[in-house]
Amino acid sequence: MADVRITCITKPQNGNHEHITHVGNPANNWKWPVADVVRSIDAKTNTFYVLDSKTGRRADVGVVRPQNHAPYIRTYADGHWSDNLLSLPACA
């Protein structure tokens, strides 16, 4: 299982500011659709994380499964779900 750092996100063109379609890491030359990240986490083939730019602290990425909605990813740190992914820059 690989431990993979996410450093950028892609949001849809329509401006939905809370929705992330892809995540990636240009330094490692990858960009995946969120659905592929969800499958990878579920299959335990990879773990994903982000680093807080201010504190350098790690926040692991997990899958959230709201009722009547598609699963999505979100960071989990210090016992709380947070929005660290939304603070990442856009992928090129």
Protein backbone atom coordinates (compact mmCIF):
# COMPACT_ATOMS: atom_id res chain seq x y z
CA MET A 1 0.00 0.00 0.00
CA ALA A 2 1.36 3.41 -0.98
CA ASP A 3 1.11 6.52 1.17
CA VAL A 4 0.17 9.29 -1.29
CA ARG A 5 0.26 13.05 -0.71
CA ILE A 6 -2.40 15.20 -2.39
CA THR A 7 -1.19 18.73 -3.21
CA CYS A 8 -3.86 20.10 -5.60
CA ILE A 9 -7.53 19.80 -6.48
CA THR A 10 -9.78 20.40 -9.49
CA LYS A 11 -13.29 21.80 -9.17
CA PRO A 12 -15.94 21.79 -11.92
CA GLN A 13 -16.14 24.68 -14.37
CA ASN A 14 -19.64 25.60 -13.16
CA GLY A 15 -18.20 27.18 -10.01
CA ASN A 16 -19.57 24.74 -7.44
CA HIS A 17 -17.07 25.73 -4.74
CA GLU A 18 -17.64 22.72 -2.47
CA HIS A 19 -17.31 20.00 -5.12
CA ILE A 20 -13.95 18.44 -6.03
CA THR A 21 -13.73 16.37 -9.22
CA HIS A 22 -10.02 15.42 -9.21
CA VAL A 23 -7.03 15.47 -6.87
CA GLY A 24 -3.37 15.19 -7.68
CA ASN A 25 0.27 15.92 -7.07
CA PRO A 26 2.08 17.54 -10.03
CA ALA A 27 5.51 16.89 -8.46
CA ASN A 28 4.76 13.16 -8.68
CA ASN A 29 3.00 13.49 -12.04
CA TRP A 30 -0.47 12.20 -11.17
CA LYS A 31 -4.07 13.43 -11.13
CA TRP A 32 -7.00 11.11 -10.36
CA PRO A 33 -10.79 11.49 -10.41
CA VAL A 34 -12.23 11.46 -6.90
CA ALA A 35 -14.14 8.24 -7.70
CA ASP A 36 -10.80 6.47 -8.32
CA VAL A 37 -9.43 7.76 -5.01
CA VAL A 38 -12.55 6.48 -3.22
CA ARG A 39 -12.10 3.03 -4.84
CA SER A 40 -8.41 2.97 -3.90
CA ILE A 41 -9.14 3.86 -0.27
CA ASP A 42 -11.93 1.26 -0.10
CA ALA A 43 -9.67 -1.40 -1.62
CA LYS A 44 -6.86 -0.39 0.76
CA THR A 45 -4.43 -0.10 -2.15
CA ASN A 46 -3.40 3.47 -1.18
CA THR A 47 -3.73 5.89 1.69
CA PHE A 48 -3.97 9.58 0.90
CA TYR A 49 -3.11 12.64 2.96
CA VAL A 50 -2.53 16.39 2.84
CA LEU A 51 -0.13 18.56 4.81
CA ASP A 52 -1.39 21.77 6.39
CA SER A 53 0.63 24.60 4.81
CA LYS A 54 0.69 26.61 8.05
CA THR A 55 1.43 23.90 10.62
CA GLY A 56 2.93 21.11 8.53
CA ARG A 57 0.56 18.68 10.23
CA ARG A 58 -0.74 15.69 8.35
CA ALA A 59 -4.46 15.16 7.71
CA ASP A 60 -5.50 11.78 6.34
CA VAL A 61 -8.09 11.54 3.59
CA GLY A 62 -11.14 9.37 4.16
CA VAL A 63 -14.38 8.55 2.40
CA VAL A 64 -17.65 10.17 3.47
CA ARG A 65 -20.86 8.41 2.45
CA PRO A 66 -23.86 10.70 2.88
CA GLN A 67 -27.28 9.18 2.45
CA ASN A 68 -28.68 9.64 -1.10
CA HIS A 69 -25.41 11.11 -2.43
CA ALA A 70 -22.28 9.77 -4.07
CA PRO A 71 -19.34 9.14 -1.73
CA TYR A 72 -16.72 11.87 -1.59
CA ILE A 73 -13.36 12.43 0.08
CA ARG A 74 -12.56 14.63 3.03
CA THR A 75 -9.64 15.04 5.41
CA TYR A 76 -9.67 13.71 8.94
CA ALA A 77 -7.31 15.08 11.59
CA ASP A 78 -7.34 15.35 15.36
CA GLY A 79 -10.58 13.35 15.54
CA HIS A 80 -12.54 15.70 13.25
CA TRP A 81 -13.57 15.77 9.60
CA SER A 82 -12.27 18.99 8.04
CA ASP A 83 -12.02 20.82 4.73
CA ASN A 84 -8.24 20.78 4.23
CA LEU A 85 -8.72 19.62 0.63
CA LEU A 86 -10.65 22.77 -0.27
CA SER A 87 -7.72 24.93 0.85
CA LEU A 88 -5.34 23.29 -1.67
CA PRO A 89 -4.44 25.11 -4.89
CA ALA A 90 -5.95 24.17 -8.23
CA CYS A 91 -4.22 21.51 -10.30
CA ALA A 92 -2.70 22.80 -13.53
